[in-house]
Amino acid sequence: MATKTRILGPGSFKITDEKNPMDLSADLTKAQLNPSNSSDDPVNYLDGSQETNVTTSWTFEGTVGDDFTEGGLATWLFDHAGETLPAEFIPNKNGGVKWTFDATISPVAIGGDVKSKNTNDISFAITNVKHAAYTPATGA
């Protein structure tokens, strides 16, 4: 039986647009692809058949440590809010799988408790979710 990879990390999450790349890997304390499934009420036909429409929408959700520097995560997300950019999520570099998708960028909350290392949650609506084999680069 193959060994299963059950630990999240070490991995990576990168918004991979060539003009505006951002690597959030060192900012995330939680990272999750989250599906939301919904279905319409079934439609019944005279011949006895039934049709149900099931849809799945996705979000990438996470928790990030605050970064109050110019050019840091908060300012990058603010500057790119509303843009849809390609992204790549590797849950564990030894797991052999990566997930790619298009993420619609939204800003993150800024601040929290004084004299504390605060965290805030991010959530990006995503589309075109796919998975592929992942092989770590030599020295990665």
N, C-alpha and C. Protein backbone atom coordinates (compact mmCIF):
# COMPACT_ATOMS: atom_id res chain seq x y z
N MET A 1 0.84 -1.18 0.00
CA MET A 1 0.00 0.00 0.00
C MET A 1 0.89 1.25 0.00
N ALA A 2 0.55 2.22 -0.83
CA ALA A 2 1.32 3.46 -0.93
C ALA A 2 1.17 4.28 0.35
N THR A 3 2.23 4.96 0.70
CA THR A 3 2.20 5.85 1.85
C THR A 3 1.36 7.07 1.51
N LYS A 4 0.50 7.46 2.45
CA LYS A 4 -0.36 8.63 2.24
C LYS A 4 0.28 9.86 2.85
N THR A 5 0.11 10.98 2.20
CA THR A 5 0.59 12.26 2.72
C THR A 5 -0.60 12.96 3.37
N ARG A 6 -0.56 13.11 4.69
CA ARG A 6 -1.71 13.65 5.41
C ARG A 6 -1.43 14.99 6.09
N ILE A 7 -0.21 15.46 6.04
CA ILE A 7 0.16 16.71 6.70
C ILE A 7 0.12 17.86 5.68
N LEU A 8 -0.50 18.97 6.05
CA LEU A 8 -0.49 20.16 5.21
C LEU A 8 0.85 20.87 5.41
N GLY A 9 1.65 20.93 4.37
CA GLY A 9 2.95 21.58 4.41
C GLY A 9 4.07 20.59 4.64
N PRO A 10 5.29 20.96 4.30
CA PRO A 10 5.58 22.21 3.62
C PRO A 10 5.06 22.19 2.18
N GLY A 11 4.46 23.30 1.82
CA GLY A 11 3.87 23.43 0.49
C GLY A 11 4.01 24.86 0.01
N SER A 12 3.16 25.24 -0.93
CA SER A 12 3.22 26.61 -1.42
C SER A 12 1.88 27.06 -1.98
N PHE A 13 1.69 28.38 -1.96
CA PHE A 13 0.55 29.01 -2.63
C PHE A 13 1.08 30.26 -3.31
N LYS A 14 0.97 30.27 -4.63
CA LYS A 14 1.49 31.38 -5.42
C LYS A 14 0.42 31.87 -6.38
N ILE A 15 0.31 33.17 -6.46
CA ILE A 15 -0.47 33.78 -7.52
C ILE A 15 0.54 34.02 -8.63
N THR A 16 0.34 33.34 -9.75
CA THR A 16 1.43 33.13 -10.69
C THR A 16 1.46 34.07 -11.89
N ASP A 17 0.66 35.13 -11.88
CA ASP A 17 0.69 36.08 -12.99
C ASP A 17 2.10 36.60 -13.19
N GLU A 18 2.60 36.59 -14.43
CA GLU A 18 3.99 36.98 -14.71
C GLU A 18 4.28 38.44 -14.36
N LYS A 19 3.31 39.34 -14.56
CA LYS A 19 3.54 40.76 -14.30
C LYS A 19 3.48 41.08 -12.81
N ASN A 20 2.63 40.38 -12.08
CA ASN A 20 2.38 40.72 -10.68
C ASN A 20 2.42 39.48 -9.79
N PRO A 21 3.53 38.73 -9.75
CA PRO A 21 3.53 37.50 -8.96
C PRO A 21 3.51 37.79 -7.46
N MET A 22 2.91 36.88 -6.70
CA MET A 22 2.91 37.00 -5.25
C MET A 22 2.96 35.60 -4.67
N ASP A 23 3.93 35.36 -3.81
CA ASP A 23 4.07 34.08 -3.12
C ASP A 23 3.58 34.28 -1.69
N LEU A 24 2.46 33.65 -1.35
CA LEU A 24 1.87 33.79 -0.03
C LEU A 24 2.30 32.67 0.91
N SER A 25 3.17 31.78 0.45
CA SER A 25 3.52 30.58 1.21
C SER A 25 4.02 30.90 2.62
N ALA A 26 4.83 31.94 2.78
CA ALA A 26 5.39 32.29 4.09
C ALA A 26 4.43 33.13 4.93
N ASP A 27 3.27 33.50 4.38
CA ASP A 27 2.28 34.29 5.11
C ASP A 27 1.13 33.44 5.66
N LEU A 28 0.89 32.27 5.04
CA LEU A 28 -0.28 31.46 5.38
C LEU A 28 -0.05 30.56 6.60
N THR A 29 -0.97 30.62 7.55
CA THR A 29 -0.97 29.67 8.66
C THR A 29 -2.09 28.65 8.49
N LYS A 30 -2.96 28.88 7.51
CA LYS A 30 -4.03 27.96 7.15
C LYS A 30 -4.29 28.16 5.66
N ALA A 31 -4.50 27.05 4.93
CA ALA A 31 -4.77 27.13 3.49
C ALA A 31 -5.73 26.01 3.12
N GLN A 32 -6.78 26.36 2.36
CA GLN A 32 -7.80 25.35 2.06
C GLN A 32 -8.53 25.68 0.77
N LEU A 33 -8.67 24.69 -0.12
CA LEU A 33 -9.59 24.76 -1.25
C LEU A 33 -10.94 24.29 -0.72
N ASN A 34 -11.97 25.10 -0.90
CA ASN A 34 -13.25 24.80 -0.28
C ASN A 34 -14.36 24.75 -1.32
N PRO A 35 -14.94 23.55 -1.57
CA PRO A 35 -16.06 23.46 -2.51
C PRO A 35 -17.38 23.76 -1.80
N SER A 36 -18.30 24.33 -2.54
CA SER A 36 -19.66 24.53 -2.05
C SER A 36 -20.60 23.93 -3.10
N ASN A 37 -21.31 22.90 -2.71
CA ASN A 37 -22.19 22.18 -3.63
C ASN A 37 -23.64 22.59 -3.40
N SER A 38 -24.36 22.80 -4.50
CA SER A 38 -25.78 23.12 -4.40
C SER A 38 -26.53 22.40 -5.50
N SER A 39 -27.79 22.13 -5.25
CA SER A 39 -28.62 21.48 -6.27
C SER A 39 -30.01 22.10 -6.26
N ASP A 40 -30.58 22.17 -7.47
CA ASP A 40 -31.94 22.66 -7.62
C ASP A 40 -32.92 21.55 -7.25
N ASP A 41 -34.17 21.92 -7.01
CA ASP A 41 -35.19 20.90 -6.81
C ASP A 41 -35.31 20.09 -8.09
N PRO A 42 -35.53 18.78 -7.97
CA PRO A 42 -35.64 17.95 -9.18
C PRO A 42 -36.83 18.36 -10.04
N VAL A 43 -36.67 18.20 -11.35
CA VAL A 43 -37.76 18.43 -12.30
C VAL A 43 -38.26 17.06 -12.73
N ASN A 44 -39.54 16.82 -12.55
CA ASN A 44 -40.15 15.53 -12.91
C ASN A 44 -40.82 15.64 -14.28
N TYR A 45 -40.61 14.63 -15.13
CA TYR A 45 -41.17 14.62 -16.47
C TYR A 45 -42.25 13.56 -16.58
N LEU A 46 -43.13 13.75 -17.57
CA LEU A 46 -44.26 12.87 -17.79
C LEU A 46 -43.85 11.42 -17.95
N ASP A 47 -42.68 11.19 -18.56
CA ASP A 47 -42.24 9.81 -18.80
C ASP A 47 -41.68 9.14 -17.55
N GLY A 48 -41.68 9.85 -16.40
CA GLY A 48 -41.19 9.28 -15.16
C GLY A 48 -39.73 9.61 -14.86
N SER A 49 -39.05 10.22 -15.81
CA SER A 49 -37.66 10.58 -15.55
C SER A 49 -37.59 11.84 -14.69
N GLN A 50 -36.39 12.05 -14.18
CA GLN A 50 -36.18 13.18 -13.29
C GLN A 50 -34.82 13.80 -13.61
N GLU A 51 -34.76 15.11 -13.52
CA GLU A 51 -33.52 15.82 -13.81
C GLU A 51 -33.20 16.75 -12.63
N THR A 52 -31.96 16.66 -12.16
CA THR A 52 -31.51 17.53 -11.07
C THR A 52 -30.24 18.24 -11.50
N ASN A 53 -30.17 19.53 -11.26
CA ASN A 53 -28.99 20.32 -11.60
C ASN A 53 -28.14 20.48 -10.34
N VAL A 54 -26.90 19.97 -10.38
CA VAL A 54 -25.97 20.10 -9.26
C VAL A 54 -24.80 20.96 -9.72
N THR A 55 -24.45 21.97 -8.93
CA THR A 55 -23.32 22.83 -9.26
C THR A 55 -22.36 22.90 -8.07
N THR A 56 -21.11 23.14 -8.38
CA THR A 56 -20.09 23.31 -7.35
C THR A 56 -19.38 24.63 -7.62
N SER A 57 -19.30 25.47 -6.60
CA SER A 57 -18.47 26.67 -6.68
C SER A 57 -17.34 26.50 -5.67
N TRP A 58 -16.22 27.18 -5.93
CA TRP A 58 -15.02 26.99 -5.12
C TRP A 58 -14.51 28.30 -4.56
N THR A 59 -13.86 28.22 -3.42
CA THR A 59 -13.10 29.34 -2.87
C THR A 59 -11.75 28.81 -2.37
N PHE A 60 -10.75 29.68 -2.40
CA PHE A 60 -9.51 29.41 -1.70
C PHE A 60 -9.57 30.24 -0.44
N GLU A 61 -9.43 29.58 0.71
CA GLU A 61 -9.53 30.27 1.99
C GLU A 61 -8.27 30.04 2.79
N GLY A 62 -7.91 31.02 3.57
CA GLY A 62 -6.72 30.88 4.38
C GLY A 62 -6.66 31.91 5.49
N THR A 63 -5.67 31.74 6.33
CA THR A 63 -5.38 32.69 7.39
C THR A 63 -3.95 33.14 7.19
N VAL A 64 -3.73 34.45 7.22
CA VAL A 64 -2.40 35.02 7.00
C VAL A 64 -1.97 35.86 8.18
N GLY A 65 -0.67 35.87 8.41
CA GLY A 65 -0.11 36.78 9.40
C GLY A 65 -0.04 38.18 8.81
N ASP A 66 -0.34 39.19 9.65
CA ASP A 66 -0.29 40.58 9.17
C ASP A 66 1.10 40.94 8.69
N ASP A 67 1.15 41.75 7.65
CA ASP A 67 2.38 42.28 7.10
C ASP A 67 2.12 43.76 6.82
N PHE A 68 2.67 44.63 7.65
CA PHE A 68 2.40 46.06 7.54
C PHE A 68 3.44 46.80 6.70
N THR A 69 4.24 46.08 5.91
CA THR A 69 5.26 46.72 5.10
C THR A 69 4.69 47.17 3.76
N GLU A 70 5.27 48.25 3.22
CA GLU A 70 4.92 48.69 1.87
C GLU A 70 5.33 47.59 0.90
N GLY A 71 4.44 47.21 0.02
CA GLY A 71 4.72 46.13 -0.91
C GLY A 71 4.48 44.75 -0.32
N GLY A 72 4.00 44.70 0.92
CA GLY A 72 3.69 43.43 1.57
C GLY A 72 2.34 42.90 1.11
N LEU A 73 1.91 41.84 1.75
CA LEU A 73 0.69 41.14 1.34
C LEU A 73 -0.54 42.04 1.33
N ALA A 74 -0.77 42.80 2.40
CA ALA A 74 -1.99 43.63 2.48
C ALA A 74 -2.04 44.65 1.34
N THR A 75 -0.92 45.32 1.07
CA THR A 75 -0.94 46.32 0.00
C THR A 75 -1.05 45.66 -1.37
N TRP A 76 -0.41 44.48 -1.55
CA TRP A 76 -0.50 43.79 -2.83
C TRP A 76 -1.94 43.37 -3.11
N LEU A 77 -2.61 42.79 -2.10
CA LEU A 77 -4.01 42.38 -2.28
C LEU A 77 -4.91 43.58 -2.54
N PHE A 78 -4.67 44.67 -1.84
CA PHE A 78 -5.45 45.90 -2.05
C PHE A 78 -5.27 46.40 -3.48
N ASP A 79 -4.03 46.45 -3.95
CA ASP A 79 -3.73 46.97 -5.29
C ASP A 79 -4.30 46.09 -6.40
N HIS A 80 -4.49 44.79 -6.14
CA HIS A 80 -4.96 43.87 -7.18
C HIS A 80 -6.40 43.38 -6.94
N ALA A 81 -7.10 44.00 -6.00
CA ALA A 81 -8.48 43.60 -5.70
C ALA A 81 -9.34 43.65 -6.97
N GLY A 82 -10.12 42.61 -7.17
CA GLY A 82 -11.01 42.52 -8.32
C GLY A 82 -10.38 41.87 -9.55
N GLU A 83 -9.06 41.75 -9.58
CA GLU A 83 -8.40 41.09 -10.71
C GLU A 83 -8.53 39.57 -10.57
N THR A 84 -8.66 38.88 -11.68
CA THR A 84 -8.66 37.43 -11.69
C THR A 84 -7.32 36.98 -12.26
N LEU A 85 -6.56 36.26 -11.43
CA LEU A 85 -5.19 35.88 -11.78
C LEU A 85 -4.99 34.38 -11.58
N PRO A 86 -4.09 33.76 -12.36
CA PRO A 86 -3.80 32.34 -12.18
C PRO A 86 -3.08 32.09 -10.86
N ALA A 87 -3.38 30.96 -10.23
CA ALA A 87 -2.76 30.61 -8.94
C ALA A 87 -2.45 29.12 -8.91
N GLU A 88 -1.51 28.77 -8.00
CA GLU A 88 -1.10 27.38 -7.83
C GLU A 88 -0.98 27.08 -6.35
N PHE A 89 -1.61 25.99 -5.92
CA PHE A 89 -1.59 25.56 -4.52
C PHE A 89 -1.00 24.15 -4.46
N ILE A 90 0.10 24.00 -3.74
CA ILE A 90 0.72 22.70 -3.50
C ILE A 90 0.57 22.43 -2.00
N PRO A 91 -0.35 21.54 -1.60
CA PRO A 91 -0.59 21.31 -0.17
C PRO A 91 0.63 20.74 0.56
N ASN A 92 1.36 19.85 -0.10
CA ASN A 92 2.57 19.26 0.49
C ASN A 92 3.50 18.91 -0.66
N LYS A 93 4.71 19.41 -0.65
CA LYS A 93 5.63 19.20 -1.77
C LYS A 93 6.00 17.74 -1.97
N ASN A 94 5.76 16.89 -0.97
CA ASN A 94 6.03 15.45 -1.12
C ASN A 94 4.79 14.66 -1.52
N GLY A 95 3.64 15.34 -1.67
CA GLY A 95 2.39 14.66 -1.96
C GLY A 95 2.17 14.29 -3.41
N GLY A 96 2.91 14.94 -4.32
CA GLY A 96 2.81 14.57 -5.73
C GLY A 96 1.65 15.19 -6.48
N VAL A 97 0.95 16.18 -5.88
CA VAL A 97 -0.18 16.81 -6.57
C VAL A 97 -0.14 18.32 -6.35
N LYS A 98 -0.54 19.04 -7.41
CA LYS A 98 -0.72 20.49 -7.29
C LYS A 98 -2.09 20.84 -7.86
N TRP A 99 -2.63 21.92 -7.37
CA TRP A 99 -3.93 22.41 -7.81
C TRP A 99 -3.72 23.77 -8.46
N THR A 100 -4.33 23.98 -9.62
CA THR A 100 -4.25 25.27 -10.29
C THR A 100 -5.66 25.80 -10.49
N PHE A 101 -5.78 27.12 -10.55
CA PHE A 101 -7.09 27.75 -10.70
C PHE A 101 -6.90 29.23 -10.98
N ASP A 102 -7.99 29.90 -11.30
CA ASP A 102 -8.01 31.35 -11.45
C ASP A 102 -8.67 31.93 -10.21
N ALA A 103 -7.97 32.85 -9.54
CA ALA A 103 -8.45 33.42 -8.28
C ALA A 103 -8.82 34.89 -8.49
N THR A 104 -10.01 35.26 -8.02
CA THR A 104 -10.40 36.67 -8.02
C THR A 104 -9.92 37.26 -6.70
N ILE A 105 -8.99 38.19 -6.79
CA ILE A 105 -8.30 38.74 -5.62
C ILE A 105 -9.23 39.66 -4.84
N SER A 106 -9.19 39.52 -3.52
CA SER A 106 -9.92 40.42 -2.64
C SER A 106 -8.98 40.86 -1.52
N PRO A 107 -9.18 42.07 -0.98
CA PRO A 107 -8.29 42.57 0.05
C PRO A 107 -8.46 41.81 1.36
N VAL A 108 -7.49 41.99 2.26
CA VAL A 108 -7.51 41.35 3.56
C VAL A 108 -7.69 42.44 4.62
N ALA A 109 -8.27 42.09 5.75
CA ALA A 109 -8.37 43.02 6.87
C ALA A 109 -6.96 43.40 7.33
N ILE A 110 -6.85 44.57 7.91
CA ILE A 110 -5.54 45.08 8.33
C ILE A 110 -5.63 45.43 9.82
N GLY A 111 -4.80 44.80 10.62
CA GLY A 111 -4.74 45.14 12.04
C GLY A 111 -5.45 44.13 12.92
N GLY A 112 -5.55 44.49 14.19
CA GLY A 112 -6.15 43.62 15.20
C GLY A 112 -5.73 44.10 16.57
N ASP A 113 -5.37 43.18 17.43
CA ASP A 113 -4.97 43.52 18.78
C ASP A 113 -3.62 44.24 18.79
N VAL A 114 -3.53 45.29 19.60
CA VAL A 114 -2.30 46.06 19.73
C VAL A 114 -1.23 45.22 20.42
N LYS A 115 0.02 45.40 19.98
CA LYS A 115 1.19 44.68 20.51
C LYS A 115 1.05 43.17 20.37
N SER A 116 0.42 42.75 19.27
CA SER A 116 0.22 41.33 19.01
C SER A 116 0.57 41.02 17.55
N LYS A 117 0.96 39.79 17.30
CA LYS A 117 1.12 39.31 15.93
C LYS A 117 -0.25 38.82 15.50
N ASN A 118 -0.96 39.64 14.75
CA ASN A 118 -2.33 39.33 14.36
C ASN A 118 -2.38 38.49 13.10
N THR A 119 -3.47 37.79 12.94
CA THR A 119 -3.77 37.07 11.71
C THR A 119 -5.14 37.53 11.22
N ASN A 120 -5.34 37.42 9.91
CA ASN A 120 -6.63 37.73 9.31
C ASN A 120 -6.92 36.69 8.24
N ASP A 121 -8.19 36.51 7.96
CA ASP A 121 -8.62 35.51 6.98
C ASP A 121 -8.72 36.11 5.58
N ILE A 122 -8.35 35.29 4.59
CA ILE A 122 -8.53 35.65 3.19
C ILE A 122 -9.50 34.66 2.56
N SER A 123 -10.18 35.11 1.53
CA SER A 123 -11.07 34.24 0.77
C SER A 123 -11.13 34.76 -0.65
N PHE A 124 -10.77 33.90 -1.60
CA PHE A 124 -10.81 34.26 -3.01
C PHE A 124 -11.80 33.33 -3.71
N ALA A 125 -12.73 33.89 -4.48
CA ALA A 125 -13.56 33.08 -5.35
C ALA A 125 -12.65 32.53 -6.45
N ILE A 126 -12.78 31.24 -6.76
CA ILE A 126 -11.91 30.64 -7.77
C ILE A 126 -12.71 29.86 -8.80
N THR A 127 -12.15 29.77 -10.00
CA THR A 127 -12.76 29.02 -11.10
C THR A 127 -11.68 28.22 -11.80
N ASN A 128 -12.10 27.36 -12.70
CA ASN A 128 -11.18 26.54 -13.51
C ASN A 128 -10.25 25.70 -12.64
N VAL A 129 -10.78 25.10 -11.61
CA VAL A 129 -9.99 24.29 -10.68
C VAL A 129 -9.57 22.99 -11.36
N LYS A 130 -8.25 22.71 -11.31
CA LYS A 130 -7.69 21.49 -11.90
C LYS A 130 -6.59 20.97 -11.00
N HIS A 131 -6.30 19.70 -11.10
CA HIS A 131 -5.14 19.15 -10.41
C HIS A 131 -4.24 18.46 -11.42
N ALA A 132 -2.96 18.39 -11.06
CA ALA A 132 -1.97 17.76 -11.93
C ALA A 132 -0.87 17.17 -11.05
N ALA A 133 -0.09 16.30 -11.63
CA ALA A 133 1.03 15.73 -10.91
C ALA A 133 2.04 16.83 -10.62
N TYR A 134 2.70 16.71 -9.48
CA TYR A 134 3.73 17.67 -9.08
C TYR A 134 4.98 16.90 -8.67
N THR A 135 6.09 17.30 -9.22
CA THR A 135 7.38 16.75 -8.85
C THR A 135 8.26 17.90 -8.40
N PRO A 136 8.77 17.87 -7.17
CA PRO A 136 9.61 18.97 -6.70
C PRO A 136 10.84 19.13 -7.58
N ALA A 137 11.21 20.38 -7.83
CA ALA A 137 12.43 20.66 -8.57
C ALA A 137 13.63 20.27 -7.71
N THR A 138 14.73 19.92 -8.31
CA THR A 138 15.94 19.57 -7.57
C THR A 138 16.34 20.76 -6.72
N GLY A 139 16.55 20.50 -5.43
CA GLY A 139 16.94 21.55 -4.51
C GLY A 139 15.78 22.35 -3.97
N ALA A 140 14.51 21.97 -4.30
CA ALA A 140 13.35 22.73 -3.83
C ALA A 140 12.99 22.36 -2.42
